[in-house]
Amino acid sequence: MADVDTSATRGGMRGPDGLAAALAQAWHGVLGSLPEEDSDFYEAGGTSIDAARIASQAAECAPDVEDLDVTLMTALLDEARFGDVRRLGLETIGHTRGGVA
């Protein structure tokens, strides 16, 4: 997968924005476009198979968070907007790790 340089990816895969970086890289790899906060999954050509691919790739940034892939896939299919998917993923990570994302 190609490296993606966006504001979401510049922080690397660690820390609070690790999910944003992983999600942006997966989005780019699967859908072929760089996501912005208001990018819409369906307008970018996303399908349910694409959602599963993006979610499983992005969830690798937090292997300690059980079912993060399911949360991300559901968010992609239900919420569709990149920023909302990112927020829901960070909330899930925060709850699992006992802190605030």
N, C-alpha and C. Protein backbone atom coordinates (compact mmCIF):
# COMPACT_ATOMS: atom_id res chain seq x y z
N MET A 1 0.85 -1.18 0.00
CA MET A 1 0.00 0.00 0.00
C MET A 1 0.89 1.24 0.00
N ALA A 2 0.54 2.20 -0.79
CA ALA A 2 1.33 3.43 -0.88
C ALA A 2 1.16 4.26 0.38
N ASP A 3 2.24 4.98 0.72
CA ASP A 3 2.14 5.90 1.84
C ASP A 3 1.27 7.06 1.42
N VAL A 4 0.44 7.51 2.34
CA VAL A 4 -0.47 8.61 2.07
C VAL A 4 -0.09 9.75 2.99
N ASP A 5 0.14 10.93 2.46
CA ASP A 5 0.51 12.09 3.26
C ASP A 5 -0.64 13.06 3.28
N THR A 6 -1.43 12.98 4.35
CA THR A 6 -2.51 13.94 4.57
C THR A 6 -2.38 14.42 6.00
N SER A 7 -3.16 15.40 6.38
CA SER A 7 -3.11 15.86 7.77
C SER A 7 -3.47 14.73 8.71
N ALA A 8 -4.26 13.78 8.27
CA ALA A 8 -4.64 12.65 9.11
C ALA A 8 -3.50 11.65 9.28
N THR A 9 -2.54 11.62 8.35
CA THR A 9 -1.48 10.61 8.41
C THR A 9 -0.15 11.13 8.92
N ARG A 10 0.03 12.42 9.01
CA ARG A 10 1.34 12.96 9.37
C ARG A 10 1.81 12.57 10.76
N GLY A 11 0.90 12.24 11.68
CA GLY A 11 1.28 11.87 13.04
C GLY A 11 1.76 10.45 13.17
N GLY A 12 1.73 9.68 12.09
CA GLY A 12 2.14 8.29 12.17
C GLY A 12 1.02 7.41 12.69
N MET A 13 1.35 6.16 12.98
CA MET A 13 0.33 5.20 13.40
C MET A 13 0.21 5.10 14.92
N ARG A 14 0.94 5.89 15.66
CA ARG A 14 0.87 5.83 17.12
C ARG A 14 0.14 7.05 17.66
N GLY A 15 -0.32 6.94 18.90
CA GLY A 15 -1.00 8.07 19.52
C GLY A 15 -2.44 8.17 19.08
N PRO A 16 -3.12 9.24 19.51
CA PRO A 16 -4.54 9.37 19.24
C PRO A 16 -4.90 9.41 17.76
N ASP A 17 -3.99 9.91 16.93
CA ASP A 17 -4.31 9.97 15.51
C ASP A 17 -3.81 8.76 14.73
N GLY A 18 -3.33 7.73 15.42
CA GLY A 18 -2.91 6.51 14.74
C GLY A 18 -4.05 5.90 13.96
N LEU A 19 -5.25 5.95 14.52
CA LEU A 19 -6.41 5.42 13.82
C LEU A 19 -6.70 6.26 12.57
N ALA A 20 -6.62 7.57 12.70
CA ALA A 20 -6.88 8.43 11.54
C ALA A 20 -5.91 8.12 10.41
N ALA A 21 -4.64 7.91 10.76
CA ALA A 21 -3.63 7.59 9.75
C ALA A 21 -3.93 6.24 9.11
N ALA A 22 -4.22 5.25 9.93
CA ALA A 22 -4.50 3.91 9.40
C ALA A 22 -5.77 3.91 8.56
N LEU A 23 -6.78 4.64 9.01
CA LEU A 23 -8.04 4.72 8.27
C LEU A 23 -7.84 5.43 6.93
N ALA A 24 -7.08 6.52 6.94
CA ALA A 24 -6.81 7.26 5.70
C ALA A 24 -6.02 6.40 4.71
N GLN A 25 -5.02 5.66 5.22
CA GLN A 25 -4.23 4.80 4.34
C GLN A 25 -5.10 3.69 3.75
N ALA A 26 -5.93 3.08 4.58
CA ALA A 26 -6.81 2.01 4.09
C ALA A 26 -7.81 2.55 3.08
N TRP A 27 -8.41 3.70 3.37
CA TRP A 27 -9.37 4.35 2.46
C TRP A 27 -8.69 4.58 1.11
N HIS A 28 -7.51 5.16 1.13
CA HIS A 28 -6.78 5.44 -0.10
C HIS A 28 -6.45 4.15 -0.85
N GLY A 29 -5.99 3.14 -0.14
CA GLY A 29 -5.64 1.88 -0.77
C GLY A 29 -6.81 1.18 -1.42
N VAL A 30 -7.96 1.25 -0.78
CA VAL A 30 -9.15 0.54 -1.28
C VAL A 30 -9.93 1.39 -2.29
N LEU A 31 -10.14 2.66 -1.98
CA LEU A 31 -10.98 3.51 -2.82
C LEU A 31 -10.20 4.37 -3.81
N GLY A 32 -8.89 4.48 -3.60
CA GLY A 32 -8.05 5.21 -4.55
C GLY A 32 -8.10 6.71 -4.45
N SER A 33 -8.66 7.24 -3.37
CA SER A 33 -8.71 8.69 -3.19
C SER A 33 -8.30 9.03 -1.77
N LEU A 34 -7.77 10.23 -1.59
CA LEU A 34 -7.39 10.68 -0.26
C LEU A 34 -8.63 11.23 0.46
N PRO A 35 -8.91 10.73 1.65
CA PRO A 35 -10.10 11.22 2.36
C PRO A 35 -9.85 12.54 3.07
N GLU A 36 -10.87 13.35 3.09
CA GLU A 36 -10.92 14.56 3.90
C GLU A 36 -11.92 14.26 5.02
N GLU A 37 -12.01 15.14 6.00
CA GLU A 37 -12.95 14.91 7.12
C GLU A 37 -14.38 14.72 6.63
N ASP A 38 -14.77 15.43 5.57
CA ASP A 38 -16.14 15.35 5.08
C ASP A 38 -16.32 14.40 3.90
N SER A 39 -15.27 13.62 3.58
CA SER A 39 -15.39 12.65 2.48
C SER A 39 -16.46 11.62 2.80
N ASP A 40 -17.28 11.31 1.81
CA ASP A 40 -18.38 10.36 1.97
C ASP A 40 -17.99 9.02 1.35
N PHE A 41 -18.12 7.96 2.13
CA PHE A 41 -17.76 6.62 1.70
C PHE A 41 -18.48 6.21 0.41
N TYR A 42 -19.77 6.45 0.35
CA TYR A 42 -20.55 6.04 -0.82
C TYR A 42 -20.24 6.91 -2.04
N GLU A 43 -20.06 8.21 -1.84
CA GLU A 43 -19.71 9.09 -2.96
C GLU A 43 -18.33 8.75 -3.52
N ALA A 44 -17.47 8.15 -2.69
CA ALA A 44 -16.14 7.74 -3.14
C ALA A 44 -16.19 6.39 -3.86
N GLY A 45 -17.39 5.81 -3.97
CA GLY A 45 -17.56 4.53 -4.67
C GLY A 45 -17.52 3.32 -3.78
N GLY A 46 -17.63 3.52 -2.47
CA GLY A 46 -17.53 2.41 -1.51
C GLY A 46 -18.70 1.44 -1.56
N THR A 47 -18.36 0.16 -1.35
CA THR A 47 -19.35 -0.92 -1.25
C THR A 47 -19.15 -1.62 0.09
N SER A 48 -20.01 -2.56 0.39
CA SER A 48 -19.88 -3.29 1.66
C SER A 48 -18.57 -4.07 1.74
N ILE A 49 -18.12 -4.62 0.62
CA ILE A 49 -16.84 -5.32 0.60
C ILE A 49 -15.70 -4.34 0.87
N ASP A 50 -15.79 -3.14 0.29
CA ASP A 50 -14.78 -2.11 0.54
C ASP A 50 -14.76 -1.72 2.02
N ALA A 51 -15.94 -1.61 2.62
CA ALA A 51 -16.02 -1.26 4.05
C ALA A 51 -15.31 -2.32 4.89
N ALA A 52 -15.50 -3.59 4.57
CA ALA A 52 -14.84 -4.67 5.31
C ALA A 52 -13.32 -4.58 5.15
N ARG A 53 -12.86 -4.30 3.96
CA ARG A 53 -11.42 -4.19 3.71
C ARG A 53 -10.81 -3.01 4.46
N ILE A 54 -11.44 -1.86 4.36
CA ILE A 54 -10.95 -0.66 5.04
C ILE A 54 -10.93 -0.89 6.55
N ALA A 55 -12.02 -1.41 7.08
CA ALA A 55 -12.13 -1.61 8.52
C ALA A 55 -11.09 -2.59 9.04
N SER A 56 -10.89 -3.70 8.34
CA SER A 56 -9.92 -4.69 8.84
C SER A 56 -8.50 -4.14 8.77
N GLN A 57 -8.18 -3.40 7.72
CA GLN A 57 -6.84 -2.82 7.61
C GLN A 57 -6.62 -1.75 8.68
N ALA A 58 -7.58 -0.88 8.86
CA ALA A 58 -7.44 0.21 9.84
C ALA A 58 -7.39 -0.31 11.27
N ALA A 59 -8.13 -1.36 11.56
CA ALA A 59 -8.17 -1.90 12.92
C ALA A 59 -6.83 -2.49 13.35
N GLU A 60 -5.96 -2.76 12.42
CA GLU A 60 -4.64 -3.30 12.76
C GLU A 60 -3.81 -2.31 13.58
N CYS A 61 -4.18 -1.03 13.58
CA CYS A 61 -3.45 -0.03 14.36
C CYS A 61 -3.70 -0.17 15.85
N ALA A 62 -4.73 -0.90 16.22
CA ALA A 62 -5.08 -1.08 17.64
C ALA A 62 -5.50 -2.53 17.89
N PRO A 63 -4.55 -3.46 17.82
CA PRO A 63 -4.90 -4.88 17.96
C PRO A 63 -5.46 -5.25 19.34
N ASP A 64 -5.25 -4.39 20.32
CA ASP A 64 -5.77 -4.65 21.66
C ASP A 64 -7.25 -4.30 21.81
N VAL A 65 -7.82 -3.65 20.81
CA VAL A 65 -9.23 -3.22 20.88
C VAL A 65 -10.10 -4.25 20.16
N GLU A 66 -10.80 -5.03 20.96
CA GLU A 66 -11.65 -6.09 20.41
C GLU A 66 -12.78 -5.51 19.58
N ASP A 67 -12.99 -6.09 18.42
CA ASP A 67 -14.08 -5.74 17.51
C ASP A 67 -14.01 -4.32 16.95
N LEU A 68 -12.82 -3.72 16.94
CA LEU A 68 -12.69 -2.40 16.33
C LEU A 68 -13.04 -2.46 14.85
N ASP A 69 -12.69 -3.56 14.20
CA ASP A 69 -13.02 -3.71 12.78
C ASP A 69 -14.52 -3.70 12.55
N VAL A 70 -15.27 -4.32 13.44
CA VAL A 70 -16.73 -4.35 13.33
C VAL A 70 -17.29 -2.93 13.52
N THR A 71 -16.77 -2.23 14.51
CA THR A 71 -17.20 -0.85 14.76
C THR A 71 -16.94 0.03 13.55
N LEU A 72 -15.73 -0.09 12.98
CA LEU A 72 -15.39 0.74 11.83
C LEU A 72 -16.22 0.38 10.60
N MET A 73 -16.44 -0.89 10.38
CA MET A 73 -17.25 -1.30 9.23
C MET A 73 -18.68 -0.78 9.37
N THR A 74 -19.24 -0.95 10.54
CA THR A 74 -20.60 -0.46 10.78
C THR A 74 -20.67 1.06 10.59
N ALA A 75 -19.65 1.76 11.09
CA ALA A 75 -19.63 3.22 10.95
C ALA A 75 -19.52 3.62 9.48
N LEU A 76 -18.69 2.92 8.72
CA LEU A 76 -18.58 3.24 7.29
C LEU A 76 -19.91 3.05 6.58
N LEU A 77 -20.60 1.98 6.90
CA LEU A 77 -21.87 1.69 6.22
C LEU A 77 -23.01 2.58 6.70
N ASP A 78 -22.99 2.94 7.99
CA ASP A 78 -24.09 3.73 8.56
C ASP A 78 -23.84 5.24 8.53
N GLU A 79 -22.64 5.64 8.89
CA GLU A 79 -22.33 7.07 9.00
C GLU A 79 -21.79 7.63 7.69
N ALA A 80 -20.93 6.87 7.03
CA ALA A 80 -20.35 7.15 5.72
C ALA A 80 -19.29 8.25 5.70
N ARG A 81 -19.42 9.30 6.49
CA ARG A 81 -18.47 10.41 6.46
C ARG A 81 -17.18 10.04 7.20
N PHE A 82 -16.02 10.26 6.59
CA PHE A 82 -14.73 9.89 7.16
C PHE A 82 -14.57 10.41 8.59
N GLY A 83 -14.88 11.67 8.81
CA GLY A 83 -14.73 12.26 10.14
C GLY A 83 -15.56 11.56 11.20
N ASP A 84 -16.77 11.14 10.85
CA ASP A 84 -17.63 10.44 11.80
C ASP A 84 -17.10 9.04 12.09
N VAL A 85 -16.59 8.38 11.06
CA VAL A 85 -16.02 7.04 11.24
C VAL A 85 -14.80 7.13 12.15
N ARG A 86 -13.97 8.12 11.91
CA ARG A 86 -12.78 8.35 12.74
C ARG A 86 -13.18 8.59 14.20
N ARG A 87 -14.17 9.47 14.41
CA ARG A 87 -14.62 9.79 15.77
C ARG A 87 -15.14 8.56 16.49
N LEU A 88 -15.97 7.77 15.83
CA LEU A 88 -16.52 6.57 16.47
C LEU A 88 -15.42 5.55 16.78
N GLY A 89 -14.45 5.43 15.89
CA GLY A 89 -13.33 4.53 16.15
C GLY A 89 -12.52 4.98 17.35
N LEU A 90 -12.25 6.29 17.43
CA LEU A 90 -11.49 6.82 18.57
C LEU A 90 -12.26 6.66 19.87
N GLU A 91 -13.57 6.83 19.84
CA GLU A 91 -14.38 6.61 21.04
C GLU A 91 -14.28 5.16 21.50
N THR A 92 -14.32 4.24 20.56
CA THR A 92 -14.21 2.82 20.89
C THR A 92 -12.85 2.51 21.50
N ILE A 93 -11.80 3.04 20.92
CA ILE A 93 -10.46 2.84 21.47
C ILE A 93 -10.38 3.42 22.88
N GLY A 94 -10.91 4.63 23.06
CA GLY A 94 -10.89 5.28 24.36
C GLY A 94 -11.62 4.48 25.42
N HIS A 95 -12.79 3.95 25.08
CA HIS A 95 -13.56 3.15 26.04
C HIS A 95 -12.82 1.87 26.40
N THR A 96 -12.23 1.23 25.41
CA THR A 96 -11.53 -0.02 25.65
C THR A 96 -10.30 0.18 26.52
N ARG A 97 -9.60 1.26 26.27
CA ARG A 97 -8.36 1.52 27.01
C ARG A 97 -8.60 2.28 28.30
N GLY A 98 -9.86 2.56 28.60
CA GLY A 98 -10.20 3.19 29.86
C GLY A 98 -9.88 4.68 29.95
N GLY A 99 -9.70 5.31 28.82
CA GLY A 99 -9.40 6.73 28.80
C GLY A 99 -10.29 7.44 27.81
N VAL A 100 -9.92 8.63 27.54
CA VAL A 100 -10.66 9.44 26.58
C VAL A 100 -9.84 9.49 25.30
N ALA A 101 -10.49 9.22 24.19
CA ALA A 101 -9.78 9.25 22.90
C ALA A 101 -9.63 10.64 22.40
